[in-house]
Amino acid sequence: MKTRTLLADLPDTGREEQMEMLAGNRHARLLRIISPPRFNSRPFLQQEDEWVMVLQGEGTLEVE
């Protein structure tokens, strides 16, 4: 398995989020999500549970 830092080789995101699958199986996925500065996503509902960690910058998470 190739190892590297999660903050290395960050692509130019323009105005869209970019997602990269780092690892996964039928039970879980590990994604690297790169958001551009001042990105505002629209609310969405998903079927699976999610755990989030912000490594750089800041974010707001609203839970209903």
N, C-alpha and C. Protein backbone atom coordinates (compact mmCIF):
# COMPACT_ATOMS: atom_id res chain seq x y z
N MET A 1 0.84 -1.18 0.00
CA MET A 1 0.00 0.00 0.00
C MET A 1 0.89 1.24 0.00
N LYS A 2 0.60 2.16 -0.88
CA LYS A 2 1.35 3.41 -0.97
C LYS A 2 0.98 4.32 0.21
N THR A 3 1.96 4.92 0.84
CA THR A 3 1.69 5.86 1.94
C THR A 3 2.08 7.27 1.52
N ARG A 4 1.35 8.25 2.03
CA ARG A 4 1.63 9.66 1.77
C ARG A 4 0.84 10.50 2.76
N THR A 5 1.16 11.77 2.85
CA THR A 5 0.43 12.66 3.73
C THR A 5 -0.87 13.10 3.05
N LEU A 6 -1.93 13.27 3.80
CA LEU A 6 -3.23 13.65 3.24
C LEU A 6 -3.24 15.07 2.69
N LEU A 7 -2.31 15.90 3.15
CA LEU A 7 -2.27 17.29 2.68
C LEU A 7 -1.31 17.47 1.50
N ALA A 8 -0.71 16.40 1.03
CA ALA A 8 0.23 16.48 -0.10
C ALA A 8 -0.53 16.44 -1.42
N ASP A 9 0.04 17.07 -2.42
CA ASP A 9 -0.50 17.01 -3.79
C ASP A 9 -1.96 17.43 -3.89
N LEU A 10 -2.31 18.53 -3.20
CA LEU A 10 -3.69 19.01 -3.27
C LEU A 10 -3.96 19.59 -4.65
N PRO A 11 -5.01 19.13 -5.31
CA PRO A 11 -5.31 19.64 -6.65
C PRO A 11 -5.96 21.02 -6.58
N ASP A 12 -5.93 21.74 -7.69
CA ASP A 12 -6.65 23.00 -7.80
C ASP A 12 -8.12 22.63 -7.96
N THR A 13 -8.95 22.96 -6.98
CA THR A 13 -10.34 22.52 -6.99
C THR A 13 -11.26 23.41 -7.80
N GLY A 14 -10.81 24.60 -8.16
CA GLY A 14 -11.70 25.51 -8.88
C GLY A 14 -12.88 25.87 -7.99
N ARG A 15 -14.09 25.51 -8.41
CA ARG A 15 -15.29 25.82 -7.62
C ARG A 15 -16.00 24.57 -7.11
N GLU A 16 -15.47 23.40 -7.41
CA GLU A 16 -16.12 22.14 -7.05
C GLU A 16 -15.31 21.36 -6.03
N GLU A 17 -16.01 20.57 -5.21
CA GLU A 17 -15.34 19.64 -4.32
C GLU A 17 -14.76 18.50 -5.15
N GLN A 18 -13.67 17.94 -4.67
CA GLN A 18 -13.09 16.77 -5.30
C GLN A 18 -12.97 15.67 -4.25
N MET A 19 -13.35 14.46 -4.63
CA MET A 19 -13.30 13.32 -3.72
C MET A 19 -12.37 12.27 -4.30
N GLU A 20 -11.58 11.68 -3.41
CA GLU A 20 -10.65 10.63 -3.80
C GLU A 20 -10.81 9.47 -2.83
N MET A 21 -11.11 8.28 -3.34
CA MET A 21 -11.23 7.10 -2.49
C MET A 21 -9.82 6.63 -2.11
N LEU A 22 -9.54 6.60 -0.81
CA LEU A 22 -8.23 6.17 -0.34
C LEU A 22 -8.21 4.69 -0.01
N ALA A 23 -9.32 4.18 0.50
CA ALA A 23 -9.44 2.76 0.84
C ALA A 23 -10.91 2.44 1.01
N GLY A 24 -11.26 1.19 0.87
CA GLY A 24 -12.65 0.82 1.07
C GLY A 24 -12.88 -0.67 0.94
N ASN A 25 -13.99 -1.10 1.52
CA ASN A 25 -14.48 -2.46 1.36
C ASN A 25 -16.00 -2.41 1.45
N ARG A 26 -16.66 -3.53 1.61
CA ARG A 26 -18.13 -3.50 1.61
C ARG A 26 -18.73 -2.89 2.87
N HIS A 27 -17.91 -2.65 3.89
CA HIS A 27 -18.40 -2.11 5.16
C HIS A 27 -18.08 -0.64 5.37
N ALA A 28 -17.03 -0.14 4.76
CA ALA A 28 -16.59 1.24 5.02
C ALA A 28 -15.80 1.80 3.84
N ARG A 29 -15.76 3.12 3.76
CA ARG A 29 -14.95 3.83 2.77
C ARG A 29 -14.18 4.93 3.46
N LEU A 30 -12.98 5.18 2.99
CA LEU A 30 -12.17 6.29 3.48
C LEU A 30 -11.95 7.21 2.29
N LEU A 31 -12.51 8.43 2.38
CA LEU A 31 -12.43 9.40 1.29
C LEU A 31 -11.61 10.61 1.72
N ARG A 32 -10.87 11.15 0.78
CA ARG A 32 -10.24 12.46 0.97
C ARG A 32 -11.09 13.43 0.17
N ILE A 33 -11.69 14.41 0.85
CA ILE A 33 -12.55 15.39 0.21
C ILE A 33 -11.86 16.74 0.28
N ILE A 34 -11.65 17.35 -0.86
CA ILE A 34 -10.97 18.63 -0.94
C ILE A 34 -11.98 19.67 -1.42
N SER A 35 -12.22 20.67 -0.60
CA SER A 35 -13.18 21.72 -0.93
C SER A 35 -12.45 23.02 -1.21
N PRO A 36 -12.92 23.78 -2.19
CA PRO A 36 -12.29 25.08 -2.47
C PRO A 36 -12.60 26.08 -1.35
N PRO A 37 -11.81 27.13 -1.25
CA PRO A 37 -12.09 28.16 -0.23
C PRO A 37 -13.51 28.72 -0.39
N ARG A 38 -14.14 29.01 0.72
CA ARG A 38 -15.49 29.59 0.75
C ARG A 38 -16.51 28.75 -0.02
N PHE A 39 -16.39 27.43 0.08
CA PHE A 39 -17.32 26.52 -0.60
C PHE A 39 -18.59 26.39 0.23
N ASN A 40 -19.74 26.53 -0.38
CA ASN A 40 -21.03 26.34 0.28
C ASN A 40 -21.74 25.18 -0.40
N SER A 41 -21.90 24.09 0.33
CA SER A 41 -22.60 22.94 -0.24
C SER A 41 -24.08 23.05 0.09
N ARG A 42 -24.87 22.40 -0.71
CA ARG A 42 -26.31 22.38 -0.44
C ARG A 42 -26.62 21.22 0.51
N PRO A 43 -27.67 21.33 1.30
CA PRO A 43 -28.04 20.25 2.22
C PRO A 43 -28.34 18.97 1.45
N PHE A 44 -27.99 17.84 2.03
CA PHE A 44 -28.31 16.56 1.41
C PHE A 44 -28.53 15.52 2.49
N LEU A 45 -29.26 14.49 2.15
CA LEU A 45 -29.52 13.35 3.03
C LEU A 45 -28.81 12.14 2.45
N GLN A 46 -28.26 11.33 3.30
CA GLN A 46 -27.57 10.12 2.82
C GLN A 46 -27.98 8.94 3.68
N GLN A 47 -27.84 7.76 3.12
CA GLN A 47 -28.27 6.53 3.80
C GLN A 47 -27.24 6.04 4.82
N GLU A 48 -25.96 6.30 4.58
CA GLU A 48 -24.93 5.77 5.47
C GLU A 48 -24.52 6.78 6.53
N ASP A 49 -23.97 6.27 7.62
CA ASP A 49 -23.42 7.13 8.67
C ASP A 49 -22.12 7.74 8.17
N GLU A 50 -21.73 8.84 8.81
CA GLU A 50 -20.52 9.53 8.37
C GLU A 50 -19.76 10.07 9.57
N TRP A 51 -18.45 9.99 9.50
CA TRP A 51 -17.56 10.56 10.50
C TRP A 51 -16.66 11.52 9.75
N VAL A 52 -16.52 12.75 10.24
CA VAL A 52 -15.78 13.80 9.52
C VAL A 52 -14.67 14.34 10.40
N MET A 53 -13.50 14.58 9.77
CA MET A 53 -12.40 15.23 10.46
C MET A 53 -11.85 16.31 9.52
N VAL A 54 -11.77 17.54 10.02
CA VAL A 54 -11.22 18.64 9.24
C VAL A 54 -9.74 18.75 9.58
N LEU A 55 -8.87 18.61 8.57
CA LEU A 55 -7.43 18.65 8.80
C LEU A 55 -6.84 20.04 8.64
N GLN A 56 -7.50 20.88 7.83
CA GLN A 56 -6.98 22.23 7.60
C GLN A 56 -8.17 23.12 7.28
N GLY A 57 -8.18 24.32 7.81
CA GLY A 57 -9.29 25.24 7.56
C GLY A 57 -10.37 25.10 8.62
N GLU A 58 -11.61 25.34 8.20
CA GLU A 58 -12.73 25.28 9.14
C GLU A 58 -13.98 24.87 8.39
N GLY A 59 -14.98 24.45 9.12
CA GLY A 59 -16.23 24.06 8.51
C GLY A 59 -17.36 24.14 9.51
N THR A 60 -18.57 24.08 9.00
CA THR A 60 -19.77 24.08 9.82
C THR A 60 -20.56 22.83 9.50
N LEU A 61 -20.99 22.12 10.53
CA LEU A 61 -21.78 20.92 10.36
C LEU A 61 -23.10 21.13 11.08
N GLU A 62 -24.20 21.04 10.34
CA GLU A 62 -25.52 21.19 10.93
C GLU A 62 -26.19 19.82 10.95
N VAL A 63 -26.70 19.43 12.13
CA VAL A 63 -27.34 18.13 12.30
C VAL A 63 -28.76 18.37 12.76
N GLU A 64 -29.69 17.75 12.06
CA GLU A 64 -31.10 17.88 12.46
C GLU A 64 -31.58 16.60 13.10
